[in-house]
Amino acid sequence: MLLGAVMALAMAACGSAPSTSNDPLVLSVFAGASLGDVVAAAAPVYRTASGIAIQAATDSSTSLRIQIEQGAQADVFLSADTRNPEALLEAGLVDGALVPFARNRLAIIVPSDNPAGIRTYADLVRPGIKIVAAGANVPISAYAAQLVDEFAAMAGTQPGFAVAYAANVVSREDNVRAVVAKIALGEGDAAIVYASDAFAFSAVTVIPLPPSIDVLAVYAGVVPKTAHQPAAGHDFLDWFTGSAGQEILAAFGFSAPP
């Protein structure tokens, strides 16, 4: 219901934005791949509220951070972790402070028909299981490694779980959305992704995690020093962490920041 309300609001915003003879101010937003739907829904709502249009670029947060380091202009960088914004901060490439704006849980997903018959995390290390993962520097990979380590430490888990899991990885994709897409197409048996991405794809099924396991990804944003409009970037981050932005994030399966 909440997702429907947000999308209705976004569509209404597209139709009700006041016309003007001048082009609106355009804010360049770099966003981690798992935020693509969120930013698409937020853009018309923010334009109605502020008169500012959003031009979004989505990819792996690490790829976007590298682009900023190389001089790419971004008024806002929304990352699927804190590590990449912190790297920019430490390099002196950030205007102001790092701003946490959301949390995201992890999920094991399988194709909707689950041809490999995966029922629990323990099935991920069965011989012949094809696991799709992201590249080593993509944020989801660090979170997935943490989750696998927690599985390995659970009582009753077979020895060598982490090694067996790694041996079953058959491909590494450029970002988490590419991982989910391969599972949705049946090109792999399972993957560890963000819960919000599992929420967004009807062609995948979520395998429940043990109740004692709860790895949380923290998302954070910054205004890079490459920003053409740093003041507008800070205004957007203020809005995104406020009630309107948080409502949109919640509609796509995210929770409030710590």
C-alpha atoms as a PDB file:
ATOM      1  CA  MET A   1       0.000   0.000   0.000  1.00  0.00           C
ATOM      2  CA  LEU A   2       2.747   2.442   0.897  1.00  0.00           C
ATOM      3  CA  LEU A   3       4.623   1.751  -2.340  1.00  0.00           C
ATOM      4  CA  GLY A   4       1.457   2.448  -4.314  1.00  0.00           C
ATOM      5  CA  ALA A   5       0.914   5.710  -2.493  1.00  0.00           C
ATOM      6  CA  VAL A   6       4.462   6.847  -3.144  1.00  0.00           C
ATOM      7  CA  MET A   7       4.298   6.027  -6.838  1.00  0.00           C
ATOM      8  CA  ALA A   8       0.918   7.766  -7.113  1.00  0.00           C
ATOM      9  CA  LEU A   9       2.428  10.833  -5.497  1.00  0.00           C
ATOM     10  CA  ALA A  10       5.367  10.703  -7.889  1.00  0.00           C
ATOM     11  CA  MET A  11       3.054  10.478 -10.920  1.00  0.00           C
ATOM     12  CA  ALA A  12       0.918  13.304  -9.629  1.00  0.00           C
ATOM     13  CA  ALA A  13       4.027  15.369  -9.128  1.00  0.00           C
ATOM     14  CA  CYS A  14       5.040  14.833 -12.729  1.00  0.00           C
ATOM     15  CA  GLY A  15       1.701  16.187 -13.898  1.00  0.00           C
ATOM     16  CA  SER A  16       1.361  19.042 -11.448  1.00  0.00           C
ATOM     17  CA  ALA A  17       4.824  20.650 -11.516  1.00  0.00           C
ATOM     18  CA  PRO A  18       4.437  24.319 -12.424  1.00  0.00           C
ATOM     19  CA  SER A  19       5.597  25.211 -15.893  1.00  0.00           C
ATOM     20  CA  THR A  20       8.226  27.857 -16.418  1.00  0.00           C
ATOM     21  CA  SER A  21       9.875  29.446 -19.395  1.00  0.00           C
ATOM     22  CA  ASN A  22      13.288  28.731 -17.896  1.00  0.00           C
ATOM     23  CA  ASP A  23      14.815  25.300 -17.562  1.00  0.00           C
ATOM     24  CA  PRO A  24      14.783  24.101 -13.936  1.00  0.00           C
ATOM     25  CA  LEU A  25      17.933  23.745 -11.922  1.00  0.00           C
ATOM     26  CA  VAL A  26      19.199  20.178 -12.447  1.00  0.00           C
ATOM     27  CA  LEU A  27      20.894  18.306  -9.606  1.00  0.00           C
ATOM     28  CA  SER A  28      23.339  15.557 -10.576  1.00  0.00           C
ATOM     29  CA  VAL A  29      22.849  12.585  -8.237  1.00  0.00           C
ATOM     30  CA  PHE A  30      25.178   9.574  -8.279  1.00  0.00           C
ATOM     31  CA  ALA A  31      23.413   6.656  -6.566  1.00  0.00           C
ATOM     32  CA  GLY A  32      24.317   3.044  -5.814  1.00  0.00           C
ATOM     33  CA  ALA A  33      22.521   0.560  -8.076  1.00  0.00           C
ATOM     34  CA  SER A  34      20.218  -0.629  -5.279  1.00  0.00           C
ATOM     35  CA  LEU A  35      18.852   2.931  -5.011  1.00  0.00           C
ATOM     36  CA  GLY A  36      17.760   3.221  -8.637  1.00  0.00           C
ATOM     37  CA  ASP A  37      14.029   2.808  -7.979  1.00  0.00           C
ATOM     38  CA  VAL A  38      14.177   5.054  -4.921  1.00  0.00           C
ATOM     39  CA  VAL A  39      15.781   7.940  -6.790  1.00  0.00           C
ATOM     40  CA  ALA A  40      13.372   7.502  -9.719  1.00  0.00           C
ATOM     41  CA  ALA A  41      10.414   7.783  -7.336  1.00  0.00           C
ATOM     42  CA  ALA A  42      11.967  10.647  -5.363  1.00  0.00           C
ATOM     43  CA  ALA A  43      12.804  12.811  -8.382  1.00  0.00           C
ATOM     44  CA  PRO A  44       9.304  14.079  -9.284  1.00  0.00           C
ATOM     45  CA  VAL A  45       8.371  14.496  -5.612  1.00  0.00           C
ATOM     46  CA  TYR A  46      11.498  16.556  -4.984  1.00  0.00           C
ATOM     47  CA  ARG A  47      10.935  18.652  -8.100  1.00  0.00           C
ATOM     48  CA  THR A  48       7.459  19.548  -6.885  1.00  0.00           C
ATOM     49  CA  ALA A  49       8.786  20.419  -3.443  1.00  0.00           C
ATOM     50  CA  SER A  50      11.831  22.392  -4.584  1.00  0.00           C
ATOM     51  CA  GLY A  51      11.552  23.196  -8.275  1.00  0.00           C
ATOM     52  CA  ILE A  52      14.803  21.285  -8.830  1.00  0.00           C
ATOM     53  CA  ALA A  53      15.067  18.385 -11.282  1.00  0.00           C
ATOM     54  CA  ILE A  54      17.139  15.275 -10.576  1.00  0.00           C
ATOM     55  CA  GLN A  55      19.486  13.754 -13.119  1.00  0.00           C
ATOM     56  CA  ALA A  56      20.543  10.379 -11.742  1.00  0.00           C
ATOM     57  CA  ALA A  57      23.420   8.055 -12.595  1.00  0.00           C
ATOM     58  CA  THR A  58      23.343   4.599 -10.985  1.00  0.00           C
ATOM     59  CA  ASP A  59      26.029   1.946 -10.754  1.00  0.00           C
ATOM     60  CA  SER A  60      28.100   0.154  -8.167  1.00  0.00           C
ATOM     61  CA  SER A  61      28.878   2.629  -5.373  1.00  0.00           C
ATOM     62  CA  THR A  62      32.568   1.846  -5.768  1.00  0.00           C
ATOM     63  CA  SER A  63      32.490   2.624  -9.493  1.00  0.00           C
ATOM     64  CA  LEU A  64      30.741   5.921  -8.807  1.00  0.00           C
ATOM     65  CA  ARG A  65      33.244   6.828  -6.094  1.00  0.00           C
ATOM     66  CA  ILE A  66      36.120   6.165  -8.502  1.00  0.00           C
ATOM     67  CA  GLN A  67      34.452   8.376 -11.106  1.00  0.00           C
ATOM     68  CA  ILE A  68      34.218  11.203  -8.556  1.00  0.00           C
ATOM     69  CA  GLU A  69      37.877  10.715  -7.632  1.00  0.00           C
ATOM     70  CA  GLN A  70      38.681  11.099 -11.317  1.00  0.00           C
ATOM     71  CA  GLY A  71      36.801  14.393 -11.478  1.00  0.00           C
ATOM     72  CA  ALA A  72      33.244  13.425 -12.449  1.00  0.00           C
ATOM     73  CA  GLN A  73      30.782  16.137 -11.473  1.00  0.00           C
ATOM     74  CA  ALA A  74      28.205  15.003  -8.909  1.00  0.00           C
ATOM     75  CA  ASP A  75      26.161  17.266  -6.667  1.00  0.00           C
ATOM     76  CA  VAL A  76      25.222  14.355  -4.400  1.00  0.00           C
ATOM     77  CA  PHE A  77      26.670  10.864  -3.956  1.00  0.00           C
ATOM     78  CA  LEU A  78      24.313   8.301  -2.389  1.00  0.00           C
ATOM     79  CA  SER A  79      26.286   5.173  -1.522  1.00  0.00           C
ATOM     80  CA  ALA A  80      25.180   1.674  -0.510  1.00  0.00           C
ATOM     81  CA  ASP A  81      27.794   1.743   2.251  1.00  0.00           C
ATOM     82  CA  THR A  82      29.799   4.120   4.410  1.00  0.00           C
ATOM     83  CA  ARG A  83      33.197   2.940   3.138  1.00  0.00           C
ATOM     84  CA  ASN A  84      33.050   4.712  -0.222  1.00  0.00           C
ATOM     85  CA  PRO A  85      31.889   8.100   1.127  1.00  0.00           C
ATOM     86  CA  GLU A  86      34.487   7.810   3.891  1.00  0.00           C
ATOM     87  CA  ALA A  87      37.180   7.241   1.251  1.00  0.00           C
ATOM     88  CA  LEU A  88      36.174  10.492  -0.442  1.00  0.00           C
ATOM     89  CA  LEU A  89      36.100  12.253   2.923  1.00  0.00           C
ATOM     90  CA  GLU A  90      39.583  11.024   3.824  1.00  0.00           C
ATOM     91  CA  ALA A  91      40.865  12.187   0.426  1.00  0.00           C
ATOM     92  CA  GLY A  92      39.532  15.694   1.031  1.00  0.00           C
ATOM     93  CA  LEU A  93      36.973  15.329  -1.765  1.00  0.00           C
ATOM     94  CA  VAL A  94      33.826  16.013   0.284  1.00  0.00           C
ATOM     95  CA  ASP A  95      32.061  19.284   1.058  1.00  0.00           C
ATOM     96  CA  GLY A  96      30.773  18.943   4.627  1.00  0.00           C
ATOM     97  CA  ALA A  97      30.032  15.742   6.520  1.00  0.00           C
ATOM     98  CA  LEU A  98      28.982  12.181   5.722  1.00  0.00           C
ATOM     99  CA  VAL A  99      25.193  11.743   6.157  1.00  0.00           C
ATOM    100  CA  PRO A 100      23.749   8.250   6.895  1.00  0.00           C
ATOM    101  CA  PHE A 101      20.290   8.068   5.328  1.00  0.00           C
ATOM    102  CA  ALA A 102      19.109   4.428   5.388  1.00  0.00           C
ATOM    103  CA  ARG A 103      19.721   0.845   6.421  1.00  0.00           C
ATOM    104  CA  ASN A 104      19.118  -2.287   4.410  1.00  0.00           C
ATOM    105  CA  ARG A 105      18.978  -5.948   5.408  1.00  0.00           C
ATOM    106  CA  LEU A 106      20.367  -8.790   3.345  1.00  0.00           C
ATOM    107  CA  ALA A 107      18.476 -11.624   1.683  1.00  0.00           C
ATOM    108  CA  ILE A 108      19.179 -14.916  -0.044  1.00  0.00           C
ATOM    109  CA  ILE A 109      17.267 -15.056  -3.316  1.00  0.00           C
ATOM    110  CA  VAL A 110      16.557 -17.853  -5.784  1.00  0.00           C
ATOM    111  CA  PRO A 111      14.598 -17.924  -9.078  1.00  0.00           C
ATOM    112  CA  SER A 112      10.859 -17.968  -8.464  1.00  0.00           C
ATOM    113  CA  ASP A 113      10.618 -21.660  -9.438  1.00  0.00           C
ATOM    114  CA  ASN A 114      13.719 -22.509  -7.330  1.00  0.00           C
ATOM    115  CA  PRO A 115      14.960 -25.311  -9.616  1.00  0.00           C
ATOM    116  CA  ALA A 116      17.874 -26.160  -7.302  1.00  0.00           C
ATOM    117  CA  GLY A 117      15.514 -26.762  -4.368  1.00  0.00           C
ATOM    118  CA  ILE A 118      17.312 -24.381  -2.002  1.00  0.00           C
ATOM    119  CA  ARG A 119      15.516 -24.204   1.360  1.00  0.00           C
ATOM    120  CA  THR A 120      18.078 -22.826   3.820  1.00  0.00           C
ATOM    121  CA  TYR A 121      21.462 -21.104   3.847  1.00  0.00           C
ATOM    122  CA  ALA A 122      23.084 -24.545   4.287  1.00  0.00           C
ATOM    123  CA  ASP A 123      22.055 -25.458   0.736  1.00  0.00           C
ATOM    124  CA  LEU A 124      24.305 -22.734  -0.684  1.00  0.00           C
ATOM    125  CA  VAL A 125      27.334 -25.009  -0.331  1.00  0.00           C
ATOM    126  CA  ARG A 126      25.853 -28.125  -1.921  1.00  0.00           C
ATOM    127  CA  PRO A 127      28.001 -29.363  -4.811  1.00  0.00           C
ATOM    128  CA  GLY A 128      26.828 -27.989  -8.136  1.00  0.00           C
ATOM    129  CA  ILE A 129      24.908 -24.988  -6.765  1.00  0.00           C
ATOM    130  CA  LYS A 130      25.514 -21.941  -8.986  1.00  0.00           C
ATOM    131  CA  ILE A 131      25.868 -18.757  -6.922  1.00  0.00           C
ATOM    132  CA  VAL A 132      25.847 -15.359  -8.615  1.00  0.00           C
ATOM    133  CA  ALA A 133      27.799 -12.652  -6.802  1.00  0.00           C
ATOM    134  CA  ALA A 134      29.078  -9.129  -7.396  1.00  0.00           C
ATOM    135  CA  GLY A 135      32.636  -7.992  -7.960  1.00  0.00           C
ATOM    136  CA  ALA A 136      35.003  -7.957  -5.025  1.00  0.00           C
ATOM    137  CA  ASN A 137      34.886  -4.155  -4.658  1.00  0.00           C
ATOM    138  CA  VAL A 138      31.102  -3.799  -4.907  1.00  0.00           C
ATOM    139  CA  PRO A 139      29.613  -2.997  -1.456  1.00  0.00           C
ATOM    140  CA  ILE A 140      27.211  -5.961  -1.447  1.00  0.00           C
ATOM    141  CA  SER A 141      30.216  -8.294  -1.623  1.00  0.00           C
ATOM    142  CA  ALA A 142      31.577  -7.076   1.723  1.00  0.00           C
ATOM    143  CA  TYR A 143      28.170  -7.464   3.346  1.00  0.00           C
ATOM    144  CA  ALA A 144      27.706 -10.908   1.787  1.00  0.00           C
ATOM    145  CA  ALA A 145      31.110 -11.998   3.116  1.00  0.00           C
ATOM    146  CA  GLN A 146      30.044 -10.879   6.592  1.00  0.00           C
ATOM    147  CA  LEU A 147      26.833 -12.871   6.256  1.00  0.00           C
ATOM    148  CA  VAL A 148      28.696 -15.981   5.084  1.00  0.00           C
ATOM    149  CA  ASP A 149      31.069 -15.678   8.051  1.00  0.00           C
ATOM    150  CA  GLU A 150      28.080 -15.546  10.395  1.00  0.00           C
ATOM    151  CA  PHE A 151      26.616 -18.644   8.736  1.00  0.00           C
ATOM    152  CA  ALA A 152      29.956 -20.407   9.123  1.00  0.00           C
ATOM    153  CA  ALA A 153      30.053 -19.595  12.847  1.00  0.00           C
ATOM    154  CA  MET A 154      26.602 -21.042  13.567  1.00  0.00           C
ATOM    155  CA  ALA A 155      26.361 -24.278  15.491  1.00  0.00           C
ATOM    156  CA  GLY A 156      25.774 -27.210  13.179  1.00  0.00           C
ATOM    157  CA  THR A 157      27.189 -25.544  10.069  1.00  0.00           C
ATOM    158  CA  GLN A 158      29.465 -27.851   8.108  1.00  0.00           C
ATOM    159  CA  PRO A 159      33.225 -27.199   8.402  1.00  0.00           C
ATOM    160  CA  GLY A 160      34.689 -25.170   5.565  1.00  0.00           C
ATOM    161  CA  PHE A 161      31.394 -23.432   4.802  1.00  0.00           C
ATOM    162  CA  ALA A 162      32.976 -20.168   3.585  1.00  0.00           C
ATOM    163  CA  VAL A 163      35.411 -21.985   1.304  1.00  0.00           C
ATOM    164  CA  ALA A 164      32.653 -24.175  -0.144  1.00  0.00           C
ATOM    165  CA  TYR A 165      30.452 -21.113  -0.694  1.00  0.00           C
ATOM    166  CA  ALA A 166      33.241 -19.332  -2.595  1.00  0.00           C
ATOM    167  CA  ALA A 167      33.812 -22.421  -4.720  1.00  0.00           C
ATOM    168  CA  ASN A 168      30.162 -22.309  -5.827  1.00  0.00           C
ATOM    169  CA  VAL A 169      30.353 -18.717  -7.125  1.00  0.00           C
ATOM    170  CA  VAL A 170      30.056 -18.957 -10.912  1.00  0.00           C
ATOM    171  CA  SER A 171      29.958 -15.284 -11.913  1.00  0.00           C
ATOM    172  CA  ARG A 172      30.676 -11.821 -10.540  1.00  0.00           C
ATOM    173  CA  GLU A 173      28.582  -8.937 -11.790  1.00  0.00           C
ATOM    174  CA  ASP A 174      29.241  -5.190 -11.960  1.00  0.00           C
ATOM    175  CA  ASN A 175      26.563  -4.262  -9.420  1.00  0.00           C
ATOM    176  CA  VAL A 176      23.864  -5.774  -7.232  1.00  0.00           C
ATOM    177  CA  ARG A 177      21.033  -5.102  -9.681  1.00  0.00           C
ATOM    178  CA  ALA A 178      22.861  -7.171 -12.303  1.00  0.00           C
ATOM    179  CA  VAL A 179      23.126  -9.983  -9.729  1.00  0.00           C
ATOM    180  CA  VAL A 180      19.377  -9.916  -9.059  1.00  0.00           C
ATOM    181  CA  ALA A 181      18.600  -9.798 -12.778  1.00  0.00           C
ATOM    182  CA  LYS A 182      20.624 -12.965 -13.439  1.00  0.00           C
ATOM    183  CA  ILE A 183      18.749 -14.829 -10.704  1.00  0.00           C
ATOM    184  CA  ALA A 184      15.399 -13.539 -11.971  1.00  0.00           C
ATOM    185  CA  LEU A 185      16.314 -14.881 -15.425  1.00  0.00           C
ATOM    186  CA  GLY A 186      17.263 -18.272 -14.000  1.00  0.00           C
ATOM    187  CA  GLU A 187      20.951 -17.855 -14.884  1.00  0.00           C
ATOM    188  CA  GLY A 188      22.022 -18.875 -11.395  1.00  0.00           C
ATOM    189  CA  ASP A 189      20.611 -20.818  -8.450  1.00  0.00           C
ATOM    190  CA  ALA A 190      21.051 -18.302  -5.628  1.00  0.00           C
ATOM    191  CA  ALA A 191      22.558 -14.980  -4.588  1.00  0.00           C
ATOM    192  CA  ILE A 192      22.974 -12.817  -1.514  1.00  0.00           C
ATOM    193  CA  VAL A 193      21.585  -9.348  -2.184  1.00  0.00           C
ATOM    194  CA  TYR A 194      19.956  -6.450  -0.349  1.00  0.00           C
ATOM    195  CA  ALA A 195      16.448  -7.109   0.919  1.00  0.00           C
ATOM    196  CA  SER A 196      15.237  -4.030  -0.973  1.00  0.00           C
ATOM    197  CA  ASP A 197      16.364  -5.566  -4.274  1.00  0.00           C
ATOM    198  CA  ALA A 198      14.572  -8.812  -3.497  1.00  0.00           C
ATOM    199  CA  PHE A 199      11.517  -6.684  -2.701  1.00  0.00           C
ATOM    200  CA  ALA A 200      11.703  -5.012  -6.121  1.00  0.00           C
ATOM    201  CA  PHE A 201      11.800  -8.184  -8.270  1.00  0.00           C
ATOM    202  CA  SER A 202       8.715 -10.416  -8.423  1.00  0.00           C
ATOM    203  CA  ALA A 203      10.635 -13.091 -10.347  1.00  0.00           C
ATOM    204  CA  VAL A 204      12.710 -14.117  -7.316  1.00  0.00           C
ATOM    205  CA  THR A 205      11.903 -15.903  -4.067  1.00  0.00           C
ATOM    206  CA  VAL A 206      13.503 -15.059  -0.720  1.00  0.00           C
ATOM    207  CA  ILE A 207      14.949 -17.857   1.422  1.00  0.00           C
ATOM    208  CA  PRO A 208      14.508 -16.987   5.123  1.00  0.00           C
ATOM    209  CA  LEU A 209      17.634 -16.287   7.160  1.00  0.00           C
ATOM    210  CA  PRO A 210      18.109 -17.819  10.617  1.00  0.00           C
ATOM    211  CA  PRO A 211      16.464 -15.551  13.229  1.00  0.00           C
ATOM    212  CA  SER A 212      19.806 -14.952  14.946  1.00  0.00           C
ATOM    213  CA  ILE A 213      21.365 -13.515  11.774  1.00  0.00           C
ATOM    214  CA  ASP A 214      20.837  -9.844  10.990  1.00  0.00           C
ATOM    215  CA  VAL A 215      23.563  -8.143   8.942  1.00  0.00           C
ATOM    216  CA  LEU A 216      22.635  -4.528   8.269  1.00  0.00           C
ATOM    217  CA  ALA A 217      24.006  -2.406   5.445  1.00  0.00           C
ATOM    218  CA  VAL A 218      24.264   1.294   6.304  1.00  0.00           C
ATOM    219  CA  TYR A 219      23.856   3.730   3.400  1.00  0.00           C
ATOM    220  CA  ALA A 220      25.371   7.209   3.487  1.00  0.00           C
ATOM    221  CA  GLY A 221      25.518  10.275   1.278  1.00  0.00           C
ATOM    222  CA  VAL A 222      27.928  13.141   0.743  1.00  0.00           C
ATOM    223  CA  VAL A 223      28.254  16.272  -1.351  1.00  0.00           C
ATOM    224  CA  PRO A 224      31.468  15.849  -3.380  1.00  0.00           C
ATOM    225  CA  LYS A 225      33.798  18.767  -3.981  1.00  0.00           C
ATOM    226  CA  THR A 226      33.201  18.198  -7.699  1.00  0.00           C
ATOM    227  CA  ALA A 227      29.637  19.468  -7.163  1.00  0.00           C
ATOM    228  CA  HIS A 228      28.605  22.407  -9.324  1.00  0.00           C
ATOM    229  CA  GLN A 229      25.809  23.174  -6.854  1.00  0.00           C
ATOM    230  CA  PRO A 230      26.995  22.148  -3.374  1.00  0.00           C
ATOM    231  CA  ALA A 231      24.342  24.167  -1.522  1.00  0.00           C
ATOM    232  CA  ALA A 232      21.586  22.473  -3.536  1.00  0.00           C
ATOM    233  CA  GLY A 233      23.254  19.119  -2.864  1.00  0.00           C
ATOM    234  CA  HIS A 234      23.118  19.709   0.881  1.00  0.00           C
ATOM    235  CA  ASP A 235      19.487  20.772   0.596  1.00  0.00           C
ATOM    236  CA  PHE A 236      18.660  17.514  -1.168  1.00  0.00           C
ATOM    237  CA  LEU A 237      20.400  15.444   1.509  1.00  0.00           C
ATOM    238  CA  ASP A 238      18.439  17.317   4.186  1.00  0.00           C
ATOM    239  CA  TRP A 239      15.209  16.524   2.348  1.00  0.00           C
ATOM    240  CA  PHE A 240      16.199  12.897   1.722  1.00  0.00           C
ATOM    241  CA  THR A 241      16.857  12.290   5.415  1.00  0.00           C
ATOM    242  CA  GLY A 242      13.617  14.051   6.355  1.00  0.00           C
ATOM    243  CA  SER A 243      10.112  12.634   6.462  1.00  0.00           C
ATOM    244  CA  ALA A 244       9.397  12.794   2.706  1.00  0.00           C
ATOM    245  CA  GLY A 245      12.613  11.045   1.699  1.00  0.00           C
ATOM    246  CA  GLN A 246      12.321   8.473   4.454  1.00  0.00           C
ATOM    247  CA  GLU A 247       8.762   7.623   3.396  1.00  0.00           C
ATOM    248  CA  ILE A 248       9.971   6.870  -0.123  1.00  0.00           C
ATOM    249  CA  LEU A 249      12.885   4.784   1.163  1.00  0.00           C
ATOM    250  CA  ALA A 250      10.545   2.796   3.433  1.00  0.00           C
ATOM    251  CA  ALA A 251       8.252   2.093   0.494  1.00  0.00           C
ATOM    252  CA  PHE A 252      11.139   0.305  -1.221  1.00  0.00           C
ATOM    253  CA  GLY A 253      12.115  -1.824   1.773  1.00  0.00           C
ATOM    254  CA  PHE A 254      14.690   0.402   3.488  1.00  0.00           C
ATOM    255  CA  SER A 255      14.687   1.327   7.166  1.00  0.00           C
ATOM    256  CA  ALA A 256      15.742   4.493   8.977  1.00  0.00           C
ATOM    257  CA  PRO A 257      19.451   5.226   9.443  1.00  0.00           C
ATOM    258  CA  PRO A 258      21.175   4.529  12.771  1.00  0.00           C
END
